[in-house]
Amino acid sequence: MNGEDWYVFYRPFERSAVPGRAMEELKWSVGVVYPEEDIFGDYNLLLTIVLVIAIIGMLLTWVLCTLITHRQLEPLHLLTESAERIARGHYGETIPDSRRKDEIGRLQYHFQQMQRALAERMSELQQSKETLQERNEVLKLAYTQTQEADRVKTSFLHNMTNQMTGPADAIVKSVTKLCEHYHDNTRQETANNVDVIQQEGQVITDLLNSLIETAESEKGKEEYV
């Protein structure tokens, strides 16, 4: 009616059994007509209010859970970022102290101790690396000097050998003459050959003394080093 839904509640009248009263039928009824809005209007409004409150409550619950979760997991995010920077080689990364006493606080404390120990270890390794590099440079220089000294020694020995070759040949020739023509040589020839042997022997002796002095000098330098 009038574009709205209405509800009709109706019931026929019946006589109650009363002594002395006729029991004929009354043949009439009573009916009550109500529009749907009057019956279910408050209920529908209540349902809408409950749905709105439930949606708002769910949104507030989601926001609170997000905030609480973010607050609880923030130290883990910081530790993750610090671990990434340490993994990239920033071993001096500073990890802040935590006042929390829960598992996350203990994790942050132990991670901080681990980072400090790692930083100290890397510092020691860096110092060891620098020391090894310095020693390597010293060894390279010493090796170069040794090679140069060996080259000089070889050249010196070769030179000394060349210088000894002439006197040694002269001595061999003089000795050969003395041995082969011992009975035919005159006293003057024998004396000359002896003089040659003595002179050339002295030359070889001087060269050997020079060689010995040089060897002793080099030995003293090595012992000093």
C-alpha atoms as a PDB file:
ATOM      1  CA  MET A   1       0.000   0.000   0.000  1.00  0.00           C
ATOM      2  CA  ASN A   2       1.404   3.385  -1.118  1.00  0.00           C
ATOM      3  CA  GLY A   3       4.506   1.612  -2.411  1.00  0.00           C
ATOM      4  CA  GLU A   4       5.362   0.096   0.998  1.00  0.00           C
ATOM      5  CA  ASP A   5       5.041  -3.383   2.444  1.00  0.00           C
ATOM      6  CA  TRP A   6       2.586  -3.886   5.295  1.00  0.00           C
ATOM      7  CA  TYR A   7       2.035  -6.795   7.659  1.00  0.00           C
ATOM      8  CA  VAL A   8      -1.419  -7.928   8.801  1.00  0.00           C
ATOM      9  CA  PHE A   9      -1.895  -9.828  12.091  1.00  0.00           C
ATOM     10  CA  TYR A  10      -5.410 -11.223  12.562  1.00  0.00           C
ATOM     11  CA  ARG A  11      -7.299 -13.682  14.748  1.00  0.00           C
ATOM     12  CA  PRO A  12     -11.014 -14.658  14.973  1.00  0.00           C
ATOM     13  CA  PHE A  13     -12.801 -14.163  18.292  1.00  0.00           C
ATOM     14  CA  GLU A  14     -14.049 -17.201  20.200  1.00  0.00           C
ATOM     15  CA  ARG A  15     -16.260 -17.336  23.328  1.00  0.00           C
ATOM     16  CA  SER A  16     -14.760 -18.632  26.501  1.00  0.00           C
ATOM     17  CA  ALA A  17     -16.595 -21.431  28.186  1.00  0.00           C
ATOM     18  CA  VAL A  18     -18.531 -19.778  31.027  1.00  0.00           C
ATOM     19  CA  PRO A  19     -21.351 -21.571  32.905  1.00  0.00           C
ATOM     20  CA  GLY A  20     -24.740 -20.249  31.840  1.00  0.00           C
ATOM     21  CA  ARG A  21     -23.405 -18.446  28.723  1.00  0.00           C
ATOM     22  CA  ALA A  22     -24.542 -19.375  25.240  1.00  0.00           C
ATOM     23  CA  MET A  23     -21.712 -20.788  23.066  1.00  0.00           C
ATOM     24  CA  GLU A  24     -22.878 -19.616  19.625  1.00  0.00           C
ATOM     25  CA  GLU A  25     -20.286 -18.332  17.187  1.00  0.00           C
ATOM     26  CA  LEU A  26     -19.584 -14.608  17.170  1.00  0.00           C
ATOM     27  CA  LYS A  27     -18.551 -14.624  13.510  1.00  0.00           C
ATOM     28  CA  TRP A  28     -16.153 -11.710  13.701  1.00  0.00           C
ATOM     29  CA  SER A  29     -12.405 -11.231  13.990  1.00  0.00           C
ATOM     30  CA  VAL A  30      -9.867  -8.585  14.855  1.00  0.00           C
ATOM     31  CA  GLY A  31      -6.894  -7.562  12.698  1.00  0.00           C
ATOM     32  CA  VAL A  32      -3.881  -5.267  13.171  1.00  0.00           C
ATOM     33  CA  VAL A  33      -2.085  -3.748  10.171  1.00  0.00           C
ATOM     34  CA  TYR A  34       1.464  -2.362  10.545  1.00  0.00           C
ATOM     35  CA  PRO A  35       3.891  -1.050   7.941  1.00  0.00           C
ATOM     36  CA  GLU A  36       7.173  -2.963   7.623  1.00  0.00           C
ATOM     37  CA  GLU A  37       9.161   0.107   8.588  1.00  0.00           C
ATOM     38  CA  ASP A  38       7.421   0.300  11.970  1.00  0.00           C
ATOM     39  CA  ILE A  39       8.179  -3.353  12.695  1.00  0.00           C
ATOM     40  CA  PHE A  40      11.727  -3.800  11.324  1.00  0.00           C
ATOM     41  CA  GLY A  41      12.936  -0.219  11.094  1.00  0.00           C
ATOM     42  CA  ASP A  42      14.770  -0.202  14.432  1.00  0.00           C
ATOM     43  CA  TYR A  43      16.102  -3.660  13.793  1.00  0.00           C
ATOM     44  CA  ASN A  44      17.489  -2.705  10.394  1.00  0.00           C
ATOM     45  CA  LEU A  45      18.998   0.457  11.882  1.00  0.00           C
ATOM     46  CA  LEU A  46      20.555  -1.613  14.666  1.00  0.00           C
ATOM     47  CA  LEU A  47      21.941  -4.064  12.104  1.00  0.00           C
ATOM     48  CA  THR A  48      23.486  -1.201  10.124  1.00  0.00           C
ATOM     49  CA  ILE A  49      25.002   0.283  13.282  1.00  0.00           C
ATOM     50  CA  VAL A  50      26.413  -3.109  14.293  1.00  0.00           C
ATOM     51  CA  LEU A  51      27.955  -3.606  10.831  1.00  0.00           C
ATOM     52  CA  VAL A  52      29.502  -0.127  10.880  1.00  0.00           C
ATOM     53  CA  ILE A  53      30.881  -0.697  14.382  1.00  0.00           C
ATOM     54  CA  ALA A  54      32.249  -4.112  13.348  1.00  0.00           C
ATOM     55  CA  ILE A  55      33.966  -2.654  10.250  1.00  0.00           C
ATOM     56  CA  ILE A  56      35.426   0.249  12.254  1.00  0.00           C
ATOM     57  CA  GLY A  57      36.524  -2.182  14.952  1.00  0.00           C
ATOM     58  CA  MET A  58      38.224  -4.410  12.410  1.00  0.00           C
ATOM     59  CA  LEU A  59      40.010  -1.428  10.864  1.00  0.00           C
ATOM     60  CA  LEU A  60      41.147  -0.213  14.289  1.00  0.00           C
ATOM     61  CA  THR A  61      42.273  -3.738  15.170  1.00  0.00           C
ATOM     62  CA  TRP A  62      44.240  -3.966  11.901  1.00  0.00           C
ATOM     63  CA  VAL A  63      45.854  -0.556  12.500  1.00  0.00           C
ATOM     64  CA  LEU A  64      46.770  -1.427  16.100  1.00  0.00           C
ATOM     65  CA  CYS A  65      48.158  -4.831  15.083  1.00  0.00           C
ATOM     66  CA  THR A  66      50.194  -3.195  12.321  1.00  0.00           C
ATOM     67  CA  LEU A  67      51.601  -0.571  14.692  1.00  0.00           C
ATOM     68  CA  ILE A  68      52.372  -3.112  17.408  1.00  0.00           C
ATOM     69  CA  THR A  69      53.950  -5.531  14.919  1.00  0.00           C
ATOM     70  CA  HIS A  70      56.010  -2.736  13.378  1.00  0.00           C
ATOM     71  CA  ARG A  71      57.179  -1.604  16.794  1.00  0.00           C
ATOM     72  CA  GLN A  72      58.076  -5.153  17.806  1.00  0.00           C
ATOM     73  CA  LEU A  73      59.877  -5.918  14.550  1.00  0.00           C
ATOM     74  CA  GLU A  74      61.660  -2.576  14.160  1.00  0.00           C
ATOM     75  CA  PRO A  75      64.828  -3.827  15.973  1.00  0.00           C
ATOM     76  CA  LEU A  76      64.891  -6.829  13.638  1.00  0.00           C
ATOM     77  CA  HIS A  77      64.694  -4.523  10.616  1.00  0.00           C
ATOM     78  CA  LEU A  78      67.574  -2.474  12.035  1.00  0.00           C
ATOM     79  CA  LEU A  79      69.598  -5.643  12.640  1.00  0.00           C
ATOM     80  CA  THR A  80      68.849  -6.802   9.088  1.00  0.00           C
ATOM     81  CA  GLU A  81      70.064  -3.495   7.627  1.00  0.00           C
ATOM     82  CA  SER A  82      73.175  -3.587   9.822  1.00  0.00           C
ATOM     83  CA  ALA A  83      73.882  -7.183   8.771  1.00  0.00           C
ATOM     84  CA  GLU A  84      73.555  -6.202   5.094  1.00  0.00           C
ATOM     85  CA  ARG A  85      76.006  -3.314   5.539  1.00  0.00           C
ATOM     86  CA  ILE A  86      78.440  -5.592   7.394  1.00  0.00           C
ATOM     87  CA  ALA A  87      78.109  -8.168   4.606  1.00  0.00           C
ATOM     88  CA  ARG A  88      79.083  -5.436   2.107  1.00  0.00           C
ATOM     89  CA  GLY A  89      82.335  -4.891   4.023  1.00  0.00           C
ATOM     90  CA  HIS A  90      81.440  -2.146   6.502  1.00  0.00           C
ATOM     91  CA  TYR A  91      82.802  -4.042   9.507  1.00  0.00           C
ATOM     92  CA  GLY A  92      82.849  -0.901  11.667  1.00  0.00           C
ATOM     93  CA  GLU A  93      79.065  -0.603  11.485  1.00  0.00           C
ATOM     94  CA  THR A  94      77.752   0.585  14.851  1.00  0.00           C
ATOM     95  CA  ILE A  95      74.821  -1.340  16.307  1.00  0.00           C
ATOM     96  CA  PRO A  96      72.833   0.696  18.845  1.00  0.00           C
ATOM     97  CA  ASP A  97      72.245  -0.517  22.381  1.00  0.00           C
ATOM     98  CA  SER A  98      68.864  -1.953  23.300  1.00  0.00           C
ATOM     99  CA  ARG A  99      66.946  -1.544  26.552  1.00  0.00           C
ATOM    100  CA  ARG A 100      64.631  -4.409  25.763  1.00  0.00           C
ATOM    101  CA  LYS A 101      64.882  -7.520  27.922  1.00  0.00           C
ATOM    102  CA  ASP A 102      63.022  -9.910  25.625  1.00  0.00           C
ATOM    103  CA  GLU A 103      64.395 -12.265  22.985  1.00  0.00           C
ATOM    104  CA  ILE A 104      64.831  -9.458  20.467  1.00  0.00           C
ATOM    105  CA  GLY A 105      66.820  -7.425  22.999  1.00  0.00           C
ATOM    106  CA  ARG A 106      69.089 -10.391  23.749  1.00  0.00           C
ATOM    107  CA  LEU A 107      69.491 -11.055  20.040  1.00  0.00           C
ATOM    108  CA  GLN A 108      70.489  -7.437  19.455  1.00  0.00           C
ATOM    109  CA  TYR A 109      72.970  -7.580  22.361  1.00  0.00           C
ATOM    110  CA  HIS A 110      74.646 -10.771  21.096  1.00  0.00           C
ATOM    111  CA  PHE A 111      74.690  -9.425  17.547  1.00  0.00           C
ATOM    112  CA  GLN A 112      76.386  -6.283  18.865  1.00  0.00           C
ATOM    113  CA  GLN A 113      79.026  -8.385  20.641  1.00  0.00           C
ATOM    114  CA  MET A 114      79.569 -10.415  17.472  1.00  0.00           C
ATOM    115  CA  GLN A 115      79.976  -7.222  15.400  1.00  0.00           C
ATOM    116  CA  ARG A 116      82.548  -5.814  17.823  1.00  0.00           C
ATOM    117  CA  ALA A 117      84.521  -9.059  17.825  1.00  0.00           C
ATOM    118  CA  LEU A 118      84.355  -9.160  14.025  1.00  0.00           C
ATOM    119  CA  ALA A 119      85.531  -5.531  13.775  1.00  0.00           C
ATOM    120  CA  GLU A 120      88.470  -6.236  16.103  1.00  0.00           C
ATOM    121  CA  ARG A 121      89.358  -9.381  14.162  1.00  0.00           C
ATOM    122  CA  MET A 122      89.222  -7.537  10.835  1.00  0.00           C
ATOM    123  CA  SER A 123      91.382  -4.765  12.298  1.00  0.00           C
ATOM    124  CA  GLU A 124      93.960  -7.348  13.378  1.00  0.00           C
ATOM    125  CA  LEU A 125      93.834  -8.967   9.946  1.00  0.00           C
ATOM    126  CA  GLN A 126      94.305  -5.575   8.306  1.00  0.00           C
ATOM    127  CA  GLN A 127      97.318  -4.873  10.489  1.00  0.00           C
ATOM    128  CA  SER A 128      98.703  -8.335   9.721  1.00  0.00           C
ATOM    129  CA  LYS A 129      98.141  -7.687   6.022  1.00  0.00           C
ATOM    130  CA  GLU A 130     100.000  -4.377   6.198  1.00  0.00           C
ATOM    131  CA  THR A 131     102.829  -6.020   8.134  1.00  0.00           C
ATOM    132  CA  LEU A 132     103.044  -8.832   5.584  1.00  0.00           C
ATOM    133  CA  GLN A 133     103.081  -6.314   2.762  1.00  0.00           C
ATOM    134  CA  GLU A 134     105.919  -4.421   4.430  1.00  0.00           C
ATOM    135  CA  ARG A 135     107.847  -7.642   4.985  1.00  0.00           C
ATOM    136  CA  ASN A 136     107.145  -8.673   1.426  1.00  0.00           C
ATOM    137  CA  GLU A 137     108.622  -5.402   0.183  1.00  0.00           C
ATOM    138  CA  VAL A 138     111.655  -5.931   2.410  1.00  0.00           C
ATOM    139  CA  LEU A 139     112.034  -9.489   1.117  1.00  0.00           C
ATOM    140  CA  LYS A 140     111.712  -8.301  -2.473  1.00  0.00           C
ATOM    141  CA  LEU A 141     114.410  -5.700  -1.862  1.00  0.00           C
ATOM    142  CA  ALA A 142     116.608  -8.273  -0.111  1.00  0.00           C
ATOM    143  CA  TYR A 143     116.049 -10.740  -2.950  1.00  0.00           C
ATOM    144  CA  THR A 144     116.964  -8.072  -5.499  1.00  0.00           C
ATOM    145  CA  GLN A 145     120.058  -7.175  -3.521  1.00  0.00           C
ATOM    146  CA  THR A 146     120.959 -10.857  -3.209  1.00  0.00           C
ATOM    147  CA  GLN A 147     120.603 -11.340  -6.932  1.00  0.00           C
ATOM    148  CA  GLU A 148     122.779  -8.284  -7.525  1.00  0.00           C
ATOM    149  CA  ALA A 149     125.330  -9.553  -4.990  1.00  0.00           C
ATOM    150  CA  ASP A 150     125.348 -12.971  -6.646  1.00  0.00           C
ATOM    151  CA  ARG A 151     125.857 -11.328 -10.006  1.00  0.00           C
ATOM    152  CA  VAL A 152     128.714  -9.235  -8.597  1.00  0.00           C
ATOM    153  CA  LYS A 153     130.227 -12.307  -6.931  1.00  0.00           C
ATOM    154  CA  THR A 154     129.996 -14.305 -10.121  1.00  0.00           C
ATOM    155  CA  SER A 155     131.580 -11.476 -12.084  1.00  0.00           C
ATOM    156  CA  PHE A 156     134.247 -11.078  -9.411  1.00  0.00           C
ATOM    157  CA  LEU A 157     135.039 -14.792  -9.366  1.00  0.00           C
ATOM    158  CA  HIS A 158     135.122 -14.891 -13.134  1.00  0.00           C
ATOM    159  CA  ASN A 159     137.480 -11.914 -13.160  1.00  0.00           C
ATOM    160  CA  MET A 160     139.703 -13.490 -10.470  1.00  0.00           C
ATOM    161  CA  THR A 161     139.755 -16.765 -12.402  1.00  0.00           C
ATOM    162  CA  ASN A 162     140.788 -14.943 -15.550  1.00  0.00           C
ATOM    163  CA  GLN A 163     143.524 -13.154 -13.639  1.00  0.00           C
ATOM    164  CA  MET A 164     144.786 -16.473 -12.203  1.00  0.00           C
ATOM    165  CA  THR A 165     144.824 -18.198 -15.557  1.00  0.00           C
ATOM    166  CA  GLY A 166     147.880 -16.303 -16.861  1.00  0.00           C
ATOM    167  CA  PRO A 167     150.078 -16.852 -13.771  1.00  0.00           C
ATOM    168  CA  ALA A 168     149.010 -20.488 -13.521  1.00  0.00           C
ATOM    169  CA  ASP A 169     149.912 -21.102 -17.168  1.00  0.00           C
ATOM    170  CA  ALA A 170     153.272 -19.401 -16.610  1.00  0.00           C
ATOM    171  CA  ILE A 171     153.933 -21.578 -13.565  1.00  0.00           C
ATOM    172  CA  VAL A 172     152.987 -24.725 -15.493  1.00  0.00           C
ATOM    173  CA  LYS A 173     155.282 -23.784 -18.339  1.00  0.00           C
ATOM    174  CA  SER A 174     158.191 -23.004 -15.991  1.00  0.00           C
ATOM    175  CA  VAL A 175     157.715 -26.222 -14.059  1.00  0.00           C
ATOM    176  CA  THR A 176     157.507 -28.149 -17.330  1.00  0.00           C
ATOM    177  CA  LYS A 177     160.772 -26.605 -18.508  1.00  0.00           C
ATOM    178  CA  LEU A 178     162.490 -27.433 -15.234  1.00  0.00           C
ATOM    179  CA  CYS A 179     161.261 -30.996 -15.292  1.00  0.00           C
ATOM    180  CA  GLU A 180     161.906 -31.737 -18.953  1.00  0.00           C
ATOM    181  CA  HIS A 181     165.293 -29.939 -19.311  1.00  0.00           C
ATOM    182  CA  TYR A 182     166.566 -30.314 -15.790  1.00  0.00           C
ATOM    183  CA  HIS A 183     169.995 -31.659 -16.869  1.00  0.00           C
ATOM    184  CA  ASP A 184     170.303 -29.336 -19.915  1.00  0.00           C
ATOM    185  CA  ASN A 185     169.332 -26.088 -18.196  1.00  0.00           C
ATOM    186  CA  THR A 186     172.027 -23.804 -17.002  1.00  0.00           C
ATOM    187  CA  ARG A 187     172.018 -22.384 -13.533  1.00  0.00           C
ATOM    188  CA  GLN A 188     170.839 -19.028 -14.891  1.00  0.00           C
ATOM    189  CA  GLU A 189     167.908 -20.613 -16.750  1.00  0.00           C
ATOM    190  CA  THR A 190     166.952 -22.594 -13.694  1.00  0.00           C
ATOM    191  CA  ALA A 191     167.079 -19.454 -11.563  1.00  0.00           C
ATOM    192  CA  ASN A 192     164.962 -17.586 -14.111  1.00  0.00           C
ATOM    193  CA  ASN A 193     162.335 -20.334 -14.133  1.00  0.00           C
ATOM    194  CA  VAL A 194     162.290 -20.398 -10.331  1.00  0.00           C
ATOM    195  CA  ASP A 195     161.871 -16.618 -10.260  1.00  0.00           C
ATOM    196  CA  VAL A 196     158.981 -16.864 -12.698  1.00  0.00           C
ATOM    197  CA  ILE A 197     157.346 -19.547 -10.557  1.00  0.00           C
ATOM    198  CA  GLN A 198     157.767 -17.457  -7.410  1.00  0.00           C
ATOM    199  CA  GLN A 199     156.479 -14.258  -9.025  1.00  0.00           C
ATOM    200  CA  GLU A 200     153.465 -15.892 -10.614  1.00  0.00           C
ATOM    201  CA  GLY A 201     152.813 -17.847  -7.400  1.00  0.00           C
ATOM    202  CA  GLN A 202     152.872 -14.566  -5.485  1.00  0.00           C
ATOM    203  CA  VAL A 203     150.368 -13.104  -7.928  1.00  0.00           C
ATOM    204  CA  ILE A 204     148.070 -16.076  -7.416  1.00  0.00           C
ATOM    205  CA  THR A 205     148.567 -15.816  -3.640  1.00  0.00           C
ATOM    206  CA  ASP A 206     147.640 -12.130  -3.681  1.00  0.00           C
ATOM    207  CA  LEU A 207     144.535 -12.875  -5.733  1.00  0.00           C
ATOM    208  CA  LEU A 208     143.516 -15.654  -3.348  1.00  0.00           C
ATOM    209  CA  ASN A 209     144.082 -13.363  -0.326  1.00  0.00           C
ATOM    210  CA  SER A 210     141.913 -10.715  -1.981  1.00  0.00           C
ATOM    211  CA  LEU A 211     139.256 -13.337  -2.637  1.00  0.00           C
ATOM    212  CA  ILE A 212     139.376 -14.511   1.007  1.00  0.00           C
ATOM    213  CA  GLU A 213     139.121 -10.941   2.328  1.00  0.00           C
ATOM    214  CA  THR A 214     136.143 -10.252   0.098  1.00  0.00           C
ATOM    215  CA  ALA A 215     134.415 -13.469   1.245  1.00  0.00           C
ATOM    216  CA  GLU A 216     135.021 -12.625   4.921  1.00  0.00           C
ATOM    217  CA  SER A 217     133.696  -9.104   4.377  1.00  0.00           C
ATOM    218  CA  GLU A 218     130.513 -10.427   2.747  1.00  0.00           C
ATOM    219  CA  LYS A 219     130.083 -12.963   5.559  1.00  0.00           C
ATOM    220  CA  GLY A 220     130.361 -10.193   8.157  1.00  0.00           C
ATOM    221  CA  LYS A 221     127.687  -8.179   6.330  1.00  0.00           C
ATOM    222  CA  GLU A 222     125.334 -11.163   6.235  1.00  0.00           C
ATOM    223  CA  GLU A 223     125.821 -11.834   9.947  1.00  0.00           C
ATOM    224  CA  TYR A 224     125.114  -8.172  10.697  1.00  0.00           C
ATOM    225  CA  VAL A 225     121.904  -8.281   8.698  1.00  0.00           C
END
